[in-house]
Amino acid sequence: MMNVVEAFLAKIKDQGHVLPLFLHADLQINLRCVGQTIQLIIKNGSIMILQNSEAQQSKYEISGSQNAMNQLLKGTQRLRVLEQQGQLKVSAPLRTTLLLESIFFLTKAKDPVNLQKII
């Protein structure tokens, strides 16, 4: 899961259109999957990770299967859809969930074939 999270972070830094979403956000969210916990810290317009941060308490958490977490982090499926399907469990207020859904979904990888058609 760490590779997918690192790829997500690399994509988010390349896509400036997503940065205003969390410019003033101050969130700590745990991603739990297959006994592994990765904490995302969103603060002052930046995002970073802490791996196996059990000592760090977080108010918010997303947990579920490896497949569902991959879909979320790659932006191929929306957070709330995965939650409604029972593939992910989200413990966060609706407003926070919508913010996270926007960040994950808008950071998805661009299809280079479609971009070439536009250019």
N, C-alpha and C. Protein backbone atom coordinates (compact mmCIF):
# COMPACT_ATOMS: atom_id res chain seq x y z
N MET A 1 0.82 -1.19 0.00
CA MET A 1 0.00 0.00 0.00
C MET A 1 0.86 1.26 0.00
N MET A 2 2.04 1.18 0.59
CA MET A 2 2.91 2.35 0.67
C MET A 2 3.27 2.87 -0.72
N ASN A 3 3.49 1.97 -1.68
CA ASN A 3 3.82 2.40 -3.05
C ASN A 3 2.69 3.19 -3.68
N VAL A 4 1.47 2.77 -3.44
CA VAL A 4 0.31 3.46 -4.01
C VAL A 4 0.16 4.84 -3.36
N VAL A 5 0.39 4.93 -2.06
CA VAL A 5 0.29 6.22 -1.36
C VAL A 5 1.38 7.17 -1.85
N GLU A 6 2.59 6.66 -2.03
CA GLU A 6 3.68 7.50 -2.54
C GLU A 6 3.38 7.98 -3.96
N ALA A 7 2.81 7.11 -4.79
CA ALA A 7 2.44 7.51 -6.15
C ALA A 7 1.35 8.58 -6.10
N PHE A 8 0.41 8.43 -5.18
CA PHE A 8 -0.64 9.44 -5.00
C PHE A 8 -0.04 10.79 -4.62
N LEU A 9 0.91 10.79 -3.69
CA LEU A 9 1.55 12.04 -3.28
C LEU A 9 2.32 12.68 -4.42
N ALA A 10 2.98 11.87 -5.23
CA ALA A 10 3.71 12.41 -6.38
C ALA A 10 2.75 13.05 -7.37
N LYS A 11 1.60 12.41 -7.60
CA LYS A 11 0.61 12.96 -8.53
C LYS A 11 0.02 14.26 -8.00
N ILE A 12 -0.25 14.30 -6.72
CA ILE A 12 -0.90 15.48 -6.15
C ILE A 12 0.02 16.70 -6.23
N LYS A 13 1.32 16.50 -6.11
CA LYS A 13 2.26 17.61 -6.19
C LYS A 13 2.38 18.13 -7.62
N ASP A 14 2.11 17.27 -8.60
CA ASP A 14 2.17 17.68 -10.01
C ASP A 14 0.91 18.38 -10.48
N GLN A 15 -0.15 18.28 -9.72
CA GLN A 15 -1.44 18.80 -10.16
C GLN A 15 -1.86 19.97 -9.29
N GLY A 16 -1.49 21.14 -9.70
CA GLY A 16 -1.74 22.36 -8.94
C GLY A 16 -3.20 22.68 -8.74
N HIS A 17 -4.07 22.17 -9.61
CA HIS A 17 -5.50 22.47 -9.48
C HIS A 17 -6.12 21.87 -8.22
N VAL A 18 -5.47 20.89 -7.61
CA VAL A 18 -6.00 20.25 -6.42
C VAL A 18 -5.56 20.98 -5.14
N LEU A 19 -4.43 21.65 -5.20
CA LEU A 19 -3.87 22.28 -4.00
C LEU A 19 -4.81 23.26 -3.28
N PRO A 20 -5.59 24.09 -3.99
CA PRO A 20 -6.48 25.00 -3.26
C PRO A 20 -7.52 24.29 -2.38
N LEU A 21 -7.83 23.03 -2.69
CA LEU A 21 -8.80 22.29 -1.88
C LEU A 21 -8.36 22.16 -0.42
N PHE A 22 -7.06 22.00 -0.20
CA PHE A 22 -6.62 21.81 1.17
C PHE A 22 -5.63 22.88 1.64
N LEU A 23 -5.74 24.05 1.05
CA LEU A 23 -4.85 25.15 1.40
C LEU A 23 -4.97 25.53 2.88
N HIS A 24 -6.19 25.56 3.40
CA HIS A 24 -6.40 25.94 4.79
C HIS A 24 -6.84 24.77 5.66
N ALA A 25 -6.72 23.56 5.15
CA ALA A 25 -7.14 22.37 5.89
C ALA A 25 -6.08 21.97 6.91
N ASP A 26 -6.54 21.37 7.98
CA ASP A 26 -5.66 20.83 9.02
C ASP A 26 -6.25 19.48 9.43
N LEU A 27 -5.84 18.41 8.73
CA LEU A 27 -6.40 17.08 8.93
C LEU A 27 -5.32 16.05 9.15
N GLN A 28 -5.65 15.08 9.97
CA GLN A 28 -4.83 13.87 10.10
C GLN A 28 -5.78 12.71 9.90
N ILE A 29 -5.48 11.88 8.92
CA ILE A 29 -6.35 10.76 8.63
C ILE A 29 -5.54 9.48 8.49
N ASN A 30 -6.00 8.43 9.17
CA ASN A 30 -5.34 7.14 9.09
C ASN A 30 -5.95 6.33 7.96
N LEU A 31 -5.09 5.74 7.15
CA LEU A 31 -5.50 4.79 6.13
C LEU A 31 -5.08 3.41 6.63
N ARG A 32 -6.05 2.54 6.92
CA ARG A 32 -5.76 1.21 7.44
C ARG A 32 -6.14 0.15 6.42
N CYS A 33 -5.17 -0.72 6.18
CA CYS A 33 -5.39 -1.77 5.19
C CYS A 33 -4.43 -2.91 5.46
N VAL A 34 -4.94 -4.12 5.56
CA VAL A 34 -4.14 -5.33 5.73
C VAL A 34 -3.14 -5.16 6.89
N GLY A 35 -3.60 -4.69 8.01
CA GLY A 35 -2.75 -4.56 9.19
C GLY A 35 -1.73 -3.45 9.12
N GLN A 36 -1.77 -2.65 8.10
CA GLN A 36 -0.82 -1.56 7.93
C GLN A 36 -1.57 -0.23 8.08
N THR A 37 -0.94 0.71 8.78
CA THR A 37 -1.54 2.03 8.95
C THR A 37 -0.61 3.08 8.40
N ILE A 38 -1.15 3.93 7.55
CA ILE A 38 -0.41 5.06 7.02
C ILE A 38 -1.22 6.30 7.36
N GLN A 39 -0.57 7.27 7.95
CA GLN A 39 -1.26 8.49 8.33
C GLN A 39 -0.94 9.59 7.32
N LEU A 40 -2.00 10.18 6.76
CA LEU A 40 -1.85 11.34 5.90
C LEU A 40 -2.07 12.58 6.75
N ILE A 41 -1.15 13.51 6.62
CA ILE A 41 -1.26 14.77 7.34
C ILE A 41 -1.40 15.87 6.29
N ILE A 42 -2.51 16.57 6.36
CA ILE A 42 -2.80 17.67 5.44
C ILE A 42 -2.81 18.93 6.27
N LYS A 43 -1.86 19.80 5.99
CA LYS A 43 -1.74 21.02 6.80
C LYS A 43 -1.05 22.11 6.00
N ASN A 44 -1.56 23.33 6.09
CA ASN A 44 -0.96 24.50 5.46
C ASN A 44 -0.68 24.30 3.97
N GLY A 45 -1.59 23.66 3.27
CA GLY A 45 -1.43 23.49 1.83
C GLY A 45 -0.45 22.41 1.41
N SER A 46 -0.03 21.58 2.34
CA SER A 46 0.86 20.48 1.98
C SER A 46 0.29 19.17 2.52
N ILE A 47 0.79 18.09 1.97
CA ILE A 47 0.35 16.77 2.39
C ILE A 47 1.57 15.88 2.55
N MET A 48 1.62 15.13 3.64
CA MET A 48 2.74 14.22 3.88
C MET A 48 2.24 12.95 4.54
N ILE A 49 3.10 11.95 4.61
CA ILE A 49 2.70 10.66 5.17
C ILE A 49 3.60 10.27 6.34
N LEU A 50 3.00 9.50 7.23
CA LEU A 50 3.72 8.82 8.30
C LEU A 50 3.31 7.37 8.23
N GLN A 51 4.26 6.45 8.17
CA GLN A 51 3.93 5.04 8.08
C GLN A 51 3.97 4.42 9.47
N ASN A 52 3.05 3.47 9.72
CA ASN A 52 2.95 2.77 11.00
C ASN A 52 2.95 3.73 12.17
N SER A 53 2.07 4.69 12.10
CA SER A 53 2.02 5.75 13.10
C SER A 53 0.95 5.45 14.15
N GLU A 54 1.04 4.28 14.77
CA GLU A 54 0.06 3.87 15.77
C GLU A 54 0.04 4.82 16.95
N ALA A 55 1.17 5.40 17.31
CA ALA A 55 1.23 6.32 18.45
C ALA A 55 0.51 7.62 18.15
N GLN A 56 0.44 7.99 16.89
CA GLN A 56 -0.22 9.23 16.49
C GLN A 56 -1.72 8.99 16.42
N GLN A 57 -2.47 9.58 17.31
CA GLN A 57 -3.93 9.45 17.29
C GLN A 57 -4.51 10.37 16.23
N SER A 58 -5.49 9.88 15.54
CA SER A 58 -6.16 10.65 14.51
C SER A 58 -7.66 10.55 14.71
N LYS A 59 -8.35 11.64 14.48
CA LYS A 59 -9.80 11.63 14.61
C LYS A 59 -10.46 10.87 13.47
N TYR A 60 -9.84 10.89 12.31
CA TYR A 60 -10.47 10.36 11.11
C TYR A 60 -9.73 9.12 10.61
N GLU A 61 -10.53 8.21 10.00
CA GLU A 61 -9.93 6.97 9.53
C GLU A 61 -10.70 6.42 8.34
N ILE A 62 -9.93 5.86 7.39
CA ILE A 62 -10.50 5.12 6.27
C ILE A 62 -9.86 3.74 6.34
N SER A 63 -10.69 2.71 6.37
CA SER A 63 -10.15 1.35 6.44
C SER A 63 -10.89 0.47 5.45
N GLY A 64 -10.19 -0.55 4.98
CA GLY A 64 -10.82 -1.48 4.04
C GLY A 64 -9.81 -2.38 3.36
N SER A 65 -10.25 -3.00 2.29
CA SER A 65 -9.41 -3.96 1.57
C SER A 65 -8.35 -3.26 0.74
N GLN A 66 -7.36 -4.02 0.36
CA GLN A 66 -6.26 -3.50 -0.48
C GLN A 66 -6.80 -3.01 -1.82
N ASN A 67 -7.70 -3.78 -2.42
CA ASN A 67 -8.26 -3.41 -3.71
C ASN A 67 -9.02 -2.09 -3.63
N ALA A 68 -9.85 -1.94 -2.62
CA ALA A 68 -10.64 -0.71 -2.46
C ALA A 68 -9.72 0.48 -2.20
N MET A 69 -8.70 0.29 -1.38
CA MET A 69 -7.77 1.38 -1.08
C MET A 69 -7.01 1.79 -2.33
N ASN A 70 -6.63 0.82 -3.15
CA ASN A 70 -5.96 1.13 -4.42
C ASN A 70 -6.87 1.94 -5.34
N GLN A 71 -8.14 1.55 -5.42
CA GLN A 71 -9.09 2.29 -6.26
C GLN A 71 -9.23 3.72 -5.76
N LEU A 72 -9.28 3.90 -4.46
CA LEU A 72 -9.41 5.23 -3.88
C LEU A 72 -8.19 6.08 -4.19
N LEU A 73 -7.00 5.56 -3.92
CA LEU A 73 -5.77 6.33 -4.07
C LEU A 73 -5.42 6.59 -5.53
N LYS A 74 -5.86 5.72 -6.43
CA LYS A 74 -5.61 5.93 -7.85
C LYS A 74 -6.70 6.78 -8.49
N GLY A 75 -7.75 7.08 -7.73
CA GLY A 75 -8.82 7.93 -8.24
C GLY A 75 -9.75 7.25 -9.22
N THR A 76 -9.76 5.92 -9.24
CA THR A 76 -10.63 5.21 -10.18
C THR A 76 -12.03 5.02 -9.63
N GLN A 77 -12.20 5.21 -8.32
CA GLN A 77 -13.52 5.11 -7.71
C GLN A 77 -13.65 6.14 -6.60
N ARG A 78 -14.82 6.65 -6.40
CA ARG A 78 -15.03 7.69 -5.39
C ARG A 78 -15.15 7.08 -3.99
N LEU A 79 -14.72 7.85 -3.01
CA LEU A 79 -14.71 7.41 -1.62
C LEU A 79 -16.09 7.00 -1.14
N ARG A 80 -17.08 7.82 -1.39
CA ARG A 80 -18.43 7.52 -0.89
C ARG A 80 -19.06 6.33 -1.58
N VAL A 81 -18.70 6.09 -2.84
CA VAL A 81 -19.20 4.91 -3.55
C VAL A 81 -18.62 3.65 -2.91
N LEU A 82 -17.31 3.67 -2.65
CA LEU A 82 -16.67 2.53 -2.00
C LEU A 82 -17.25 2.31 -0.60
N GLU A 83 -17.58 3.38 0.08
CA GLU A 83 -18.19 3.25 1.41
C GLU A 83 -19.60 2.66 1.30
N GLN A 84 -20.38 3.13 0.35
CA GLN A 84 -21.75 2.61 0.17
C GLN A 84 -21.75 1.15 -0.24
N GLN A 85 -20.73 0.73 -0.97
CA GLN A 85 -20.62 -0.67 -1.39
C GLN A 85 -20.09 -1.55 -0.26
N GLY A 86 -19.68 -0.95 0.84
CA GLY A 86 -19.16 -1.72 1.97
C GLY A 86 -17.71 -2.12 1.83
N GLN A 87 -17.01 -1.57 0.84
CA GLN A 87 -15.61 -1.92 0.63
C GLN A 87 -14.68 -1.11 1.52
N LEU A 88 -15.10 0.10 1.90
CA LEU A 88 -14.33 0.94 2.80
C LEU A 88 -15.22 1.41 3.94
N LYS A 89 -14.61 1.59 5.09
CA LYS A 89 -15.30 2.17 6.23
C LYS A 89 -14.65 3.52 6.49
N VAL A 90 -15.48 4.55 6.57
CA VAL A 90 -14.99 5.91 6.76
C VAL A 90 -15.53 6.43 8.08
N SER A 91 -14.62 6.86 8.95
CA SER A 91 -15.05 7.50 10.19
C SER A 91 -14.56 8.95 10.16
N ALA A 92 -15.43 9.79 9.61
CA ALA A 92 -15.17 11.23 9.48
C ALA A 92 -16.50 11.91 9.21
N PRO A 93 -16.63 13.19 9.58
CA PRO A 93 -17.85 13.91 9.25
C PRO A 93 -18.03 14.02 7.74
N LEU A 94 -19.26 14.24 7.32
CA LEU A 94 -19.57 14.31 5.89
C LEU A 94 -18.73 15.37 5.18
N ARG A 95 -18.57 16.51 5.78
CA ARG A 95 -17.79 17.58 5.15
C ARG A 95 -16.34 17.15 4.90
N THR A 96 -15.75 16.49 5.88
CA THR A 96 -14.37 15.98 5.73
C THR A 96 -14.32 14.88 4.69
N THR A 97 -15.32 14.00 4.70
CA THR A 97 -15.38 12.92 3.72
C THR A 97 -15.47 13.47 2.30
N LEU A 98 -16.27 14.49 2.11
CA LEU A 98 -16.39 15.10 0.77
C LEU A 98 -15.09 15.77 0.34
N LEU A 99 -14.40 16.42 1.27
CA LEU A 99 -13.11 17.03 0.95
C LEU A 99 -12.12 15.95 0.54
N LEU A 100 -12.04 14.88 1.30
CA LEU A 100 -11.11 13.79 0.98
C LEU A 100 -11.48 13.13 -0.35
N GLU A 101 -12.77 12.94 -0.58
CA GLU A 101 -13.21 12.36 -1.85
C GLU A 101 -12.77 13.23 -3.02
N SER A 102 -12.91 14.53 -2.87
CA SER A 102 -12.50 15.46 -3.93
C SER A 102 -11.00 15.38 -4.19
N ILE A 103 -10.23 15.35 -3.11
CA ILE A 103 -8.77 15.29 -3.25
C ILE A 103 -8.35 14.00 -3.95
N PHE A 104 -8.88 12.86 -3.49
CA PHE A 104 -8.50 11.57 -4.09
C PHE A 104 -8.96 11.48 -5.54
N PHE A 105 -10.17 11.89 -5.82
CA PHE A 105 -10.71 11.72 -7.17
C PHE A 105 -10.10 12.68 -8.17
N LEU A 106 -9.85 13.91 -7.77
CA LEU A 106 -9.28 14.89 -8.69
C LEU A 106 -7.80 14.68 -8.96
N THR A 107 -7.16 13.88 -8.14
CA THR A 107 -5.73 13.62 -8.31
C THR A 107 -5.49 12.42 -9.22
N LYS A 108 -6.54 11.77 -9.68
CA LYS A 108 -6.35 10.56 -10.49
C LYS A 108 -5.44 10.83 -11.69
N ALA A 109 -4.80 9.78 -12.14
CA ALA A 109 -3.86 9.89 -13.26
C ALA A 109 -4.59 10.28 -14.53
N LYS A 110 -3.97 11.13 -15.29
CA LYS A 110 -4.53 11.56 -16.56
C LYS A 110 -4.19 10.53 -17.63
N ASP A 111 -5.09 10.34 -18.56
CA ASP A 111 -4.88 9.44 -19.67
C ASP A 111 -4.15 10.20 -20.77
N PRO A 112 -2.87 9.83 -21.05
CA PRO A 112 -2.10 10.59 -22.04
C PRO A 112 -2.73 10.55 -23.43
N VAL A 113 -3.47 9.51 -23.78
CA VAL A 113 -4.10 9.45 -25.09
C VAL A 113 -5.14 10.56 -25.21
N ASN A 114 -5.96 10.73 -24.18
CA ASN A 114 -6.99 11.78 -24.21
C ASN A 114 -6.38 13.16 -24.21
N LEU A 115 -5.27 13.35 -23.52
CA LEU A 115 -4.61 14.64 -23.50
C LEU A 115 -4.08 15.00 -24.88
N GLN A 116 -3.58 14.01 -25.61
CA GLN A 116 -3.06 14.26 -26.95
C GLN A 116 -4.17 14.71 -27.89
N LYS A 117 -5.38 14.22 -27.69
CA LYS A 117 -6.52 14.62 -28.53
C LYS A 117 -6.86 16.08 -28.30
N ILE A 118 -6.69 16.55 -27.07
CA ILE A 118 -7.01 17.94 -26.74
C ILE A 118 -5.97 18.87 -27.33
N ILE A 119 -4.73 18.48 -27.27
CA ILE A 119 -3.62 19.31 -27.74
C ILE A 119 -3.60 19.25 -29.23
